[in-house]
């Protein structure tokens, strides 16, 4: 069965591991948010935009807070996302399924320890 929020789910399912379709839809949508943050509203060469693993993690954190406020950490945890490395596992599953691209110098290590998930409460309170 296909997820209406993530139609590529059947293609991705064998590589999804412990993450549900909603986690992949979140990363997909959060990537668009991050690209906009890093490259602006109207980038000149939209097909060749790249963000690093660190930039993506920070963009996903911002996106989660904007979308879910005080519930951001709770919701991400419900999707089995408890560290920035989980973002990397999701991204690399999408890369393996042909749904995202990476550069030769990108690696899963780029996603390790970018920020502490315990900081979500402090960040949402500051908004």
Protein backbone atom coordinates (compact mmCIF):
# COMPACT_ATOMS: atom_id res chain seq x y z
CA UNK A 1 0.00 0.00 0.00
CA UNK A 2 1.31 3.44 -0.93
CA UNK A 3 1.42 6.35 1.50
CA UNK A 4 -0.38 9.38 0.01
CA UNK A 5 2.16 11.71 1.64
CA UNK A 6 5.07 9.73 0.23
CA UNK A 7 4.13 8.06 -3.07
CA UNK A 8 7.65 6.66 -3.52
CA UNK A 9 7.18 4.51 -0.42
CA UNK A 10 6.93 1.18 -2.27
CA UNK A 11 10.24 1.89 -3.98
CA UNK A 12 11.84 2.88 -0.70
CA UNK A 13 10.30 0.36 1.67
CA UNK A 14 13.04 -2.31 1.35
CA UNK A 15 15.64 0.28 2.43
CA UNK A 16 13.53 2.07 5.05
CA UNK A 17 14.68 0.15 8.08
CA UNK A 18 12.96 1.27 11.27
CA UNK A 19 11.69 4.58 9.87
CA UNK A 20 8.05 5.04 8.81
CA UNK A 21 6.89 6.81 5.64
CA UNK A 22 6.22 10.01 7.60
CA UNK A 23 9.92 10.27 8.51
CA UNK A 24 10.89 10.13 4.84
CA UNK A 25 8.23 12.66 3.87
CA UNK A 26 9.53 14.95 6.61
CA UNK A 27 13.13 14.73 5.35
CA UNK A 28 12.00 15.26 1.75
CA UNK A 29 10.00 18.35 2.68
CA UNK A 30 12.68 19.54 5.09
CA UNK A 31 15.28 19.27 2.32
CA UNK A 32 13.26 21.72 0.22
CA UNK A 33 13.08 24.04 3.24
CA UNK A 34 16.84 23.75 3.79
CA UNK A 35 17.71 24.41 0.15
CA UNK A 36 15.60 27.56 0.34
CA UNK A 37 17.40 28.65 3.53
CA UNK A 38 20.86 28.00 2.10
CA UNK A 39 20.40 29.05 -1.53
CA UNK A 40 17.52 31.54 -1.36
CA UNK A 41 14.06 31.70 -2.87
CA UNK A 42 15.04 31.74 -6.53
CA UNK A 43 18.33 29.94 -7.08
CA UNK A 44 19.88 30.26 -10.53
CA UNK A 45 20.62 26.55 -11.08
CA UNK A 46 17.98 24.61 -9.16
CA UNK A 47 19.05 21.22 -10.57
CA UNK A 48 22.55 21.46 -9.10
CA UNK A 49 21.86 22.72 -5.61
CA UNK A 50 23.61 20.94 -2.80
CA UNK A 51 23.49 21.18 0.95
CA UNK A 52 25.90 19.44 3.27
CA UNK A 53 24.83 16.90 5.86
CA UNK A 54 25.37 19.49 8.58
CA UNK A 55 23.33 22.11 6.73
CA UNK A 56 20.55 19.61 6.18
CA UNK A 57 20.46 18.63 9.87
CA UNK A 58 20.21 22.26 10.94
CA UNK A 59 17.58 22.94 8.28
CA UNK A 60 15.58 19.91 9.41
CA UNK A 61 15.75 21.13 12.99
CA UNK A 62 14.45 24.54 11.90
CA UNK A 63 11.75 22.92 9.76
CA UNK A 64 10.63 20.67 12.63
CA UNK A 65 10.35 23.60 15.01
CA UNK A 66 8.44 25.69 12.48
CA UNK A 67 6.08 22.85 11.63
CA UNK A 68 5.54 21.23 15.02
CA UNK A 69 6.68 23.72 17.68
CA UNK A 70 6.88 22.19 21.14
CA UNK A 71 5.91 18.78 19.73
CA UNK A 72 8.88 18.61 17.33
CA UNK A 73 11.09 16.34 19.41
CA UNK A 74 8.19 14.12 20.44
CA UNK A 75 7.06 13.65 16.87
CA UNK A 76 10.55 12.97 15.55
CA UNK A 77 11.08 10.44 18.34
CA UNK A 78 7.80 8.74 17.38
CA UNK A 79 9.30 8.29 13.90
CA UNK A 80 12.42 6.73 15.49
CA UNK A 81 14.49 9.86 14.83
CA UNK A 82 16.45 10.51 18.01
CA UNK A 83 19.72 11.90 16.68
CA UNK A 84 21.09 13.70 13.66
CA UNK A 85 22.59 10.40 12.53
CA UNK A 86 19.03 9.16 11.98
CA UNK A 87 18.60 11.95 9.43
CA UNK A 88 21.66 10.57 7.68
CA UNK A 89 20.29 7.02 7.62
CA UNK A 90 17.06 8.31 6.06
CA UNK A 91 18.94 10.40 3.49
CA UNK A 92 21.18 7.49 2.51
CA UNK A 93 18.20 5.14 2.18
CA UNK A 94 16.70 7.71 -0.20
CA UNK A 95 20.01 7.97 -2.08
CA UNK A 96 20.18 4.16 -2.39
CA UNK A 97 16.61 4.13 -3.74
CA UNK A 98 17.50 6.79 -6.31
CA UNK A 99 15.27 9.45 -4.72
CA UNK A 100 18.12 11.79 -3.70
CA UNK A 101 21.63 12.44 -4.92
CA UNK A 102 24.89 12.87 -3.08
CA UNK A 103 28.31 14.22 -3.98
CA UNK A 104 31.41 12.04 -3.92
CA UNK A 105 32.67 13.70 -0.74
CA UNK A 106 29.38 13.31 1.18
CA UNK A 107 29.21 10.63 3.86
CA UNK A 108 27.09 9.41 6.72
CA UNK A 109 29.71 10.89 9.07
CA UNK A 110 28.50 14.36 7.98
CA UNK A 111 25.32 13.70 9.99
CA UNK A 112 26.92 12.57 13.25
CA UNK A 113 26.58 14.82 16.30
CA UNK A 114 25.45 17.95 14.46
CA UNK A 115 23.21 18.97 17.35
CA UNK A 116 21.79 17.46 20.51
CA UNK A 117 18.11 16.52 20.35
CA UNK A 118 17.74 17.57 23.98
CA UNK A 119 18.14 21.16 22.75
CA UNK A 120 14.74 21.09 21.03
CA UNK A 121 12.97 22.22 24.21
CA UNK A 122 15.29 25.21 24.57
CA UNK A 123 14.94 26.18 20.93
CA UNK A 124 11.16 26.01 20.83
CA UNK A 125 10.87 27.98 24.06
CA UNK A 126 13.03 30.73 22.55
CA UNK A 127 10.64 31.25 19.61
